[in-house]
């Protein structure tokens, strides 16, 4: 059962749940499009940073460092979303 204590403080009724799911399905293509655009920008940004790092004579980061950095960026973005 879906519960959103912050917004309504109780379980959703079946009708409310159906309405929420219908809205989510209607907006999904736009949400997915925005996510793909954000992901592409993120990858391009990471590649540019890595190229600048190598151009400056620094060693390239290993995959583990890149994955950790990406995770930190995702966590930061999530924290920013929750603050607004």
PDB file of N, CA and C in Angstrom:
ATOM      1  N   UNK A   1       0.843  -1.176   0.000  1.00  0.00           N
ATOM      2  CA  UNK A   1       0.000   0.000   0.000  1.00  0.00           C
ATOM      3  C   UNK A   1       0.893   1.244   0.000  1.00  0.00           C
ATOM      4  N   UNK A   2       0.507   2.227  -0.777  1.00  0.00           N
ATOM      5  CA  UNK A   2       1.272   3.464  -0.853  1.00  0.00           C
ATOM      6  C   UNK A   2       0.901   4.376   0.309  1.00  0.00           C
ATOM      7  N   UNK A   3       1.913   4.904   0.966  1.00  0.00           N
ATOM      8  CA  UNK A   3       1.690   5.840   2.066  1.00  0.00           C
ATOM      9  C   UNK A   3       2.591   7.043   1.840  1.00  0.00           C
ATOM     10  N   UNK A   4       2.054   8.232   1.996  1.00  0.00           N
ATOM     11  CA  UNK A   4       2.863   9.436   1.916  1.00  0.00           C
ATOM     12  C   UNK A   4       2.530  10.291   3.124  1.00  0.00           C
ATOM     13  N   UNK A   5       3.210   9.997   4.237  1.00  0.00           N
ATOM     14  CA  UNK A   5       2.939  10.704   5.486  1.00  0.00           C
ATOM     15  C   UNK A   5       3.197  12.197   5.389  1.00  0.00           C
ATOM     16  N   UNK A   6       4.178  12.596   4.571  1.00  0.00           N
ATOM     17  CA  UNK A   6       4.494  14.020   4.472  1.00  0.00           C
ATOM     18  C   UNK A   6       3.364  14.803   3.804  1.00  0.00           C
ATOM     19  N   UNK A   7       2.692  14.189   2.835  1.00  0.00           N
ATOM     20  CA  UNK A   7       1.669  14.918   2.088  1.00  0.00           C
ATOM     21  C   UNK A   7       0.260  14.714   2.625  1.00  0.00           C
ATOM     22  N   UNK A   8      -0.123  13.466   2.865  1.00  0.00           N
ATOM     23  CA  UNK A   8      -1.504  13.240   3.286  1.00  0.00           C
ATOM     24  C   UNK A   8      -1.612  12.516   4.619  1.00  0.00           C
ATOM     25  N   UNK A   9      -0.553  11.894   5.098  1.00  0.00           N
ATOM     26  CA  UNK A   9      -0.545  11.292   6.423  1.00  0.00           C
ATOM     27  C   UNK A   9      -1.370  10.030   6.576  1.00  0.00           C
ATOM     28  N   UNK A  10      -1.737   9.420   5.481  1.00  0.00           N
ATOM     29  CA  UNK A  10      -2.536   8.197   5.564  1.00  0.00           C
ATOM     30  C   UNK A  10      -2.317   7.379   4.294  1.00  0.00           C
ATOM     31  N   UNK A  11      -2.691   6.111   4.322  1.00  0.00           N
ATOM     32  CA  UNK A  11      -2.599   5.316   3.090  1.00  0.00           C
ATOM     33  C   UNK A  11      -3.531   5.884   2.020  1.00  0.00           C
ATOM     34  N   UNK A  12      -3.137   5.745   0.783  1.00  0.00           N
ATOM     35  CA  UNK A  12      -3.991   6.188  -0.318  1.00  0.00           C
ATOM     36  C   UNK A  12      -5.161   5.227  -0.487  1.00  0.00           C
ATOM     37  N   UNK A  13      -6.282   5.762  -0.882  1.00  0.00           N
ATOM     38  CA  UNK A  13      -7.414   4.894  -1.218  1.00  0.00           C
ATOM     39  C   UNK A  13      -7.132   4.260  -2.579  1.00  0.00           C
ATOM     40  N   UNK A  14      -7.904   3.257  -2.930  1.00  0.00           N
ATOM     41  CA  UNK A  14      -7.718   2.603  -4.228  1.00  0.00           C
ATOM     42  C   UNK A  14      -7.901   3.604  -5.369  1.00  0.00           C
ATOM     43  N   UNK A  15      -8.891   4.471  -5.262  1.00  0.00           N
ATOM     44  CA  UNK A  15      -9.132   5.476  -6.309  1.00  0.00           C
ATOM     45  C   UNK A  15      -7.968   6.461  -6.399  1.00  0.00           C
ATOM     46  N   UNK A  16      -7.461   6.899  -5.245  1.00  0.00           N
ATOM     47  CA  UNK A  16      -6.315   7.822  -5.240  1.00  0.00           C
ATOM     48  C   UNK A  16      -5.086   7.143  -5.834  1.00  0.00           C
ATOM     49  N   UNK A  17      -4.875   5.894  -5.474  1.00  0.00           N
ATOM     50  CA  UNK A  17      -3.732   5.144  -5.991  1.00  0.00           C
ATOM     51  C   UNK A  17      -3.844   5.009  -7.509  1.00  0.00           C
ATOM     52  N   UNK A  18      -5.040   4.698  -8.010  1.00  0.00           N
ATOM     53  CA  UNK A  18      -5.241   4.586  -9.454  1.00  0.00           C
ATOM     54  C   UNK A  18      -4.980   5.915 -10.150  1.00  0.00           C
ATOM     55  N   UNK A  19      -5.416   7.000  -9.535  1.00  0.00           N
ATOM     56  CA  UNK A  19      -5.210   8.332 -10.110  1.00  0.00           C
ATOM     57  C   UNK A  19      -3.720   8.680 -10.161  1.00  0.00           C
ATOM     58  N   UNK A  20      -3.014   8.387  -9.089  1.00  0.00           N
ATOM     59  CA  UNK A  20      -1.575   8.663  -9.036  1.00  0.00           C
ATOM     60  C   UNK A  20      -0.837   7.835 -10.085  1.00  0.00           C
ATOM     61  N   UNK A  21      -1.189   6.566 -10.198  1.00  0.00           N
ATOM     62  CA  UNK A  21      -0.528   5.702 -11.175  1.00  0.00           C
ATOM     63  C   UNK A  21      -0.837   6.150 -12.604  1.00  0.00           C
ATOM     64  N   UNK A  22      -2.077   6.548 -12.867  1.00  0.00           N
ATOM     65  CA  UNK A  22      -2.439   7.023 -14.204  1.00  0.00           C
ATOM     66  C   UNK A  22      -1.639   8.275 -14.560  1.00  0.00           C
ATOM     67  N   UNK A  23      -1.497   9.186 -13.609  1.00  0.00           N
ATOM     68  CA  UNK A  23      -0.711  10.407 -13.843  1.00  0.00           C
ATOM     69  C   UNK A  23       0.756  10.065 -14.082  1.00  0.00           C
ATOM     70  N   UNK A  24       1.277   9.138 -13.307  1.00  0.00           N
ATOM     71  CA  UNK A  24       2.676   8.724 -13.481  1.00  0.00           C
ATOM     72  C   UNK A  24       2.888   8.125 -14.869  1.00  0.00           C
ATOM     73  N   UNK A  25       1.956   7.316 -15.319  1.00  0.00           N
ATOM     74  CA  UNK A  25       2.075   6.717 -16.649  1.00  0.00           C
ATOM     75  C   UNK A  25       1.947   7.764 -17.748  1.00  0.00           C
ATOM     76  N   UNK A  26       1.087   8.763 -17.558  1.00  0.00           N
ATOM     77  CA  UNK A  26       0.942   9.834 -18.552  1.00  0.00           C
ATOM     78  C   UNK A  26       2.216  10.664 -18.664  1.00  0.00           C
ATOM     79  N   UNK A  27       2.855  10.925 -17.550  1.00  0.00           N
ATOM     80  CA  UNK A  27       4.028  11.806 -17.565  1.00  0.00           C
ATOM     81  C   UNK A  27       5.341  11.055 -17.753  1.00  0.00           C
ATOM     82  N   UNK A  28       5.312   9.730 -17.737  1.00  0.00           N
ATOM     83  CA  UNK A  28       6.547   8.953 -17.805  1.00  0.00           C
ATOM     84  C   UNK A  28       7.409   9.285 -19.021  1.00  0.00           C
ATOM     85  N   UNK A  29       6.875   9.387 -20.244  1.00  0.00           N
ATOM     86  CA  UNK A  29       7.746   9.690 -21.384  1.00  0.00           C
ATOM     87  C   UNK A  29       8.546  10.985 -21.192  1.00  0.00           C
ATOM     88  N   UNK A  30       7.914  12.018 -20.653  1.00  0.00           N
ATOM     89  CA  UNK A  30       8.615  13.288 -20.426  1.00  0.00           C
ATOM     90  C   UNK A  30       9.671  13.142 -19.337  1.00  0.00           C
ATOM     91  N   UNK A  31       9.340  12.433 -18.282  1.00  0.00           N
ATOM     92  CA  UNK A  31      10.297  12.209 -17.194  1.00  0.00           C
ATOM     93  C   UNK A  31      11.496  11.428 -17.715  1.00  0.00           C
ATOM     94  N   UNK A  32      11.233  10.385 -18.493  1.00  0.00           N
ATOM     95  CA  UNK A  32      12.321   9.578 -19.041  1.00  0.00           C
ATOM     96  C   UNK A  32      13.181  10.399 -19.994  1.00  0.00           C
ATOM     97  N   UNK A  33      12.545  11.246 -20.812  1.00  0.00           N
ATOM     98  CA  UNK A  33      13.292  12.110 -21.739  1.00  0.00           C
ATOM     99  C   UNK A  33      14.217  13.056 -20.970  1.00  0.00           C
ATOM    100  N   UNK A  34      13.682  13.686 -19.911  1.00  0.00           N
ATOM    101  CA  UNK A  34      14.515  14.600 -19.107  1.00  0.00           C
ATOM    102  C   UNK A  34      15.663  13.849 -18.451  1.00  0.00           C
ATOM    103  N   UNK A  35      15.386  12.631 -17.963  1.00  0.00           N
ATOM    104  CA  UNK A  35      16.446  11.850 -17.334  1.00  0.00           C
ATOM    105  C   UNK A  35      17.529  11.506 -18.346  1.00  0.00           C
ATOM    106  N   UNK A  36      17.143  11.095 -19.547  1.00  0.00           N
ATOM    107  CA  UNK A  36      18.136  10.758 -20.578  1.00  0.00           C
ATOM    108  C   UNK A  36      18.969  11.983 -20.955  1.00  0.00           C
ATOM    109  N   UNK A  37      18.331  13.145 -21.059  1.00  0.00           N
ATOM    110  CA  UNK A  37      19.073  14.375 -21.361  1.00  0.00           C
ATOM    111  C   UNK A  37      20.051  14.695 -20.239  1.00  0.00           C
ATOM    112  N   UNK A  38      19.583  14.586 -18.999  1.00  0.00           N
ATOM    113  CA  UNK A  38      20.458  14.848 -17.856  1.00  0.00           C
ATOM    114  C   UNK A  38      21.620  13.863 -17.852  1.00  0.00           C
ATOM    115  N   UNK A  39      21.351  12.597 -18.125  1.00  0.00           N
ATOM    116  CA  UNK A  39      22.387  11.572 -18.128  1.00  0.00           C
ATOM    117  C   UNK A  39      23.424  11.855 -19.218  1.00  0.00           C
ATOM    118  N   UNK A  40      22.966  12.246 -20.408  1.00  0.00           N
ATOM    119  CA  UNK A  40      23.892  12.560 -21.500  1.00  0.00           C
ATOM    120  C   UNK A  40      24.774  13.755 -21.133  1.00  0.00           C
ATOM    121  N   UNK A  41      24.169  14.787 -20.523  1.00  0.00           N
ATOM    122  CA  UNK A  41      24.968  15.950 -20.091  1.00  0.00           C
ATOM    123  C   UNK A  41      25.981  15.541 -19.027  1.00  0.00           C
ATOM    124  N   UNK A  42      25.560  14.680 -18.140  1.00  0.00           N
ATOM    125  CA  UNK A  42      26.433  14.225 -17.063  1.00  0.00           C
ATOM    126  C   UNK A  42      27.634  13.462 -17.622  1.00  0.00           C
ATOM    127  N   UNK A  43      27.381  12.592 -18.582  1.00  0.00           N
ATOM    128  CA  UNK A  43      28.462  11.820 -19.202  1.00  0.00           C
ATOM    129  C   UNK A  43      29.415  12.750 -19.946  1.00  0.00           C
ATOM    130  N   UNK A  44      28.867  13.715 -20.693  1.00  0.00           N
ATOM    131  CA  UNK A  44      29.712  14.666 -21.424  1.00  0.00           C
ATOM    132  C   UNK A  44      30.542  15.507 -20.459  1.00  0.00           C
ATOM    133  N   UNK A  45      29.924  15.925 -19.362  1.00  0.00           N
ATOM    134  CA  UNK A  45      30.628  16.716 -18.353  1.00  0.00           C
ATOM    135  C   UNK A  45      31.776  15.906 -17.751  1.00  0.00           C
ATOM    136  N   UNK A  46      31.512  14.650 -17.435  1.00  0.00           N
ATOM    137  CA  UNK A  46      32.551  13.788 -16.861  1.00  0.00           C
ATOM    138  C   UNK A  46      33.695  13.587 -17.851  1.00  0.00           C
ATOM    139  N   UNK A  47      33.367  13.377 -19.119  1.00  0.00           N
ATOM    140  CA  UNK A  47      34.400  13.187 -20.134  1.00  0.00           C
ATOM    141  C   UNK A  47      35.255  14.446 -20.283  1.00  0.00           C
ATOM    142  N   UNK A  48      34.619  15.613 -20.253  1.00  0.00           N
ATOM    143  CA  UNK A  48      35.363  16.872 -20.360  1.00  0.00           C
ATOM    144  C   UNK A  48      36.279  17.063 -19.157  1.00  0.00           C
ATOM    145  N   UNK A  49      35.785  16.740 -17.980  1.00  0.00           N
ATOM    146  CA  UNK A  49      36.625  16.864 -16.783  1.00  0.00           C
ATOM    147  C   UNK A  49      37.809  15.914 -16.847  1.00  0.00           C
ATOM    148  N   UNK A  50      37.567  14.704 -17.321  1.00  0.00           N
ATOM    149  CA  UNK A  50      38.652  13.726 -17.420  1.00  0.00           C
ATOM    150  C   UNK A  50      39.680  14.164 -18.465  1.00  0.00           C
ATOM    151  N   UNK A  51      39.211  14.713 -19.587  1.00  0.00           N
ATOM    152  CA  UNK A  51      40.130  15.201 -20.619  1.00  0.00           C
ATOM    153  C   UNK A  51      40.968  16.356 -20.085  1.00  0.00           C
ATOM    154  N   UNK A  52      40.355  17.255 -19.330  1.00  0.00           N
ATOM    155  CA  UNK A  52      41.093  18.374 -18.742  1.00  0.00           C
ATOM    156  C   UNK A  52      42.118  17.869 -17.740  1.00  0.00           C
ATOM    157  N   UNK A  53      41.760  16.860 -16.998  1.00  0.00           N
ATOM    158  CA  UNK A  53      42.679  16.277 -16.018  1.00  0.00           C
ATOM    159  C   UNK A  53      43.915  15.700 -16.716  1.00  0.00           C
ATOM    160  N   UNK A  54      43.692  14.947 -17.787  1.00  0.00           N
ATOM    161  CA  UNK A  54      44.804  14.345 -18.528  1.00  0.00           C
ATOM    162  C   UNK A  54      45.628  15.437 -19.214  1.00  0.00           C
ATOM    163  N   UNK A  55      44.952  16.458 -19.774  1.00  0.00           N
ATOM    164  CA  UNK A  55      45.657  17.560 -20.441  1.00  0.00           C
ATOM    165  C   UNK A  55      46.542  18.321 -19.460  1.00  0.00           C
ATOM    166  N   UNK A  56      46.148  18.350 -18.199  1.00  0.00           N
ATOM    167  CA  UNK A  56      46.937  19.040 -17.175  1.00  0.00           C
ATOM    168  C   UNK A  56      48.095  18.178 -16.678  1.00  0.00           C
ATOM    169  N   UNK A  57      48.220  16.972 -17.233  1.00  0.00           N
ATOM    170  CA  UNK A  57      49.325  16.107 -16.844  1.00  0.00           C
ATOM    171  C   UNK A  57      49.031  15.222 -15.646  1.00  0.00           C
ATOM    172  N   UNK A  58      47.804  15.207 -15.195  1.00  0.00           N
ATOM    173  CA  UNK A  58      47.429  14.348 -14.070  1.00  0.00           C
ATOM    174  C   UNK A  58      47.035  12.973 -14.596  1.00  0.00           C
ATOM    175  N   UNK A  59      47.199  11.948 -13.794  1.00  0.00           N
ATOM    176  CA  UNK A  59      46.816  10.613 -14.263  1.00  0.00           C
ATOM    177  C   UNK A  59      45.294  10.495 -14.387  1.00  0.00           C
ATOM    178  N   UNK A  60      44.864   9.672 -15.314  1.00  0.00           N
ATOM    179  CA  UNK A  60      43.427   9.424 -15.472  1.00  0.00           C
ATOM    180  C   UNK A  60      42.915   8.692 -14.237  1.00  0.00           C
ATOM    181  N   UNK A  61      41.666   8.929 -13.914  1.00  0.00           N
ATOM    182  CA  UNK A  61      41.081   8.260 -12.753  1.00  0.00           C
ATOM    183  C   UNK A  61      40.726   6.820 -13.115  1.00  0.00           C
ATOM    184  N   UNK A  62      40.797   5.947 -12.124  1.00  0.00           N
ATOM    185  CA  UNK A  62      40.391   4.565 -12.354  1.00  0.00           C
ATOM    186  C   UNK A  62      38.861   4.486 -12.323  1.00  0.00           C
ATOM    187  N   UNK A  63      38.325   3.370 -12.762  1.00  0.00           N
ATOM    188  CA  UNK A  63      36.865   3.190 -12.816  1.00  0.00           C
ATOM    189  C   UNK A  63      36.216   3.335 -11.444  1.00  0.00           C
ATOM    190  N   UNK A  64      36.872   2.841 -10.403  1.00  0.00           N
ATOM    191  CA  UNK A  64      36.302   2.928  -9.053  1.00  0.00           C
ATOM    192  C   UNK A  64      36.183   4.385  -8.612  1.00  0.00           C
ATOM    193  N   UNK A  65      37.198   5.193  -8.917  1.00  0.00           N
ATOM    194  CA  UNK A  65      37.141   6.616  -8.561  1.00  0.00           C
ATOM    195  C   UNK A  65      36.028   7.326  -9.325  1.00  0.00           C
ATOM    196  N   UNK A  66      35.883   6.989 -10.601  1.00  0.00           N
ATOM    197  CA  UNK A  66      34.828   7.602 -11.406  1.00  0.00           C
ATOM    198  C   UNK A  66      33.448   7.206 -10.888  1.00  0.00           C
ATOM    199  N   UNK A  67      33.282   5.936 -10.531  1.00  0.00           N
ATOM    200  CA  UNK A  67      31.993   5.467 -10.013  1.00  0.00           C
ATOM    201  C   UNK A  67      31.672   6.146  -8.686  1.00  0.00           C
ATOM    202  N   UNK A  68      32.676   6.280  -7.824  1.00  0.00           N
ATOM    203  CA  UNK A  68      32.457   6.925  -6.530  1.00  0.00           C
ATOM    204  C   UNK A  68      32.080   8.398  -6.719  1.00  0.00           C
ATOM    205  N   UNK A  69      32.781   9.063  -7.610  1.00  0.00           N
ATOM    206  CA  UNK A  69      32.490  10.470  -7.883  1.00  0.00           C
ATOM    207  C   UNK A  69      31.073  10.634  -8.445  1.00  0.00           C
ATOM    208  N   UNK A  70      30.683   9.747  -9.346  1.00  0.00           N
ATOM    209  CA  UNK A  70      29.328   9.805  -9.909  1.00  0.00           C
ATOM    210  C   UNK A  70      28.282   9.584  -8.821  1.00  0.00           C
ATOM    211  N   UNK A  71      28.555   8.660  -7.892  1.00  0.00           N
ATOM    212  CA  UNK A  71      27.626   8.407  -6.793  1.00  0.00           C
ATOM    213  C   UNK A  71      27.492   9.644  -5.906  1.00  0.00           C
ATOM    214  N   UNK A  72      28.610  10.299  -5.614  1.00  0.00           N
ATOM    215  CA  UNK A  72      28.558  11.517  -4.806  1.00  0.00           C
ATOM    216  C   UNK A  72      27.738  12.604  -5.496  1.00  0.00           C
ATOM    217  N   UNK A  73      27.905  12.725  -6.808  1.00  0.00           N
ATOM    218  CA  UNK A  73      27.140  13.725  -7.557  1.00  0.00           C
ATOM    219  C   UNK A  73      25.648  13.411  -7.525  1.00  0.00           C
ATOM    220  N   UNK A  74      25.284  12.128  -7.641  1.00  0.00           N
ATOM    221  CA  UNK A  74      23.870  11.740  -7.566  1.00  0.00           C
ATOM    222  C   UNK A  74      23.300  12.050  -6.186  1.00  0.00           C
ATOM    223  N   UNK A  75      24.073  11.739  -5.140  1.00  0.00           N
ATOM    224  CA  UNK A  75      23.613  12.011  -3.777  1.00  0.00           C
ATOM    225  C   UNK A  75      23.437  13.511  -3.551  1.00  0.00           C
ATOM    226  N   UNK A  76      24.359  14.306  -4.075  1.00  0.00           N
ATOM    227  CA  UNK A  76      24.269  15.758  -3.927  1.00  0.00           C
ATOM    228  C   UNK A  76      23.023  16.284  -4.643  1.00  0.00           C
ATOM    229  N   UNK A  77      22.780  15.787  -5.860  1.00  0.00           N
ATOM    230  CA  UNK A  77      21.596  16.211  -6.607  1.00  0.00           C
ATOM    231  C   UNK A  77      20.324  15.827  -5.857  1.00  0.00           C
ATOM    232  N   UNK A  78      20.308  14.652  -5.255  1.00  0.00           N
ATOM    233  CA  UNK A  78      19.144  14.206  -4.487  1.00  0.00           C
ATOM    234  C   UNK A  78      18.927  15.099  -3.270  1.00  0.00           C
ATOM    235  N   UNK A  79      20.000  15.458  -2.579  1.00  0.00           N
ATOM    236  CA  UNK A  79      19.878  16.342  -1.417  1.00  0.00           C
ATOM    237  C   UNK A  79      19.340  17.707  -1.835  1.00  0.00           C
ATOM    238  N   UNK A  80      19.817  18.225  -2.977  1.00  0.00           N
ATOM    239  CA  UNK A  80      19.339  19.519  -3.454  1.00  0.00           C
ATOM    240  C   UNK A  80      17.855  19.456  -3.779  1.00  0.00           C
ATOM    241  N   UNK A  81      17.401  18.351  -4.377  1.00  0.00           N
ATOM    242  CA  UNK A  81      15.982  18.201  -4.701  1.00  0.00           C
ATOM    243  C   UNK A  81      15.129  18.208  -3.445  1.00  0.00           C
ATOM    244  N   UNK A  82      15.599  17.577  -2.379  1.00  0.00           N
ATOM    245  CA  UNK A  82      14.818  17.498  -1.150  1.00  0.00           C
ATOM    246  C   UNK A  82      14.777  18.824  -0.401  1.00  0.00           C
ATOM    247  N   UNK A  83      15.762  19.691  -0.629  1.00  0.00           N
ATOM    248  CA  UNK A  83      15.779  20.991   0.044  1.00  0.00           C
ATOM    249  C   UNK A  83      14.815  21.972  -0.588  1.00  0.00           C
ATOM    250  N   UNK A  84      14.444  21.764  -1.850  1.00  0.00           N
ATOM    251  CA  UNK A  84      13.559  22.724  -2.527  1.00  0.00           C
ATOM    252  C   UNK A  84      12.123  22.316  -2.426  1.00  0.00           C
TER     253      UNK A  84
END
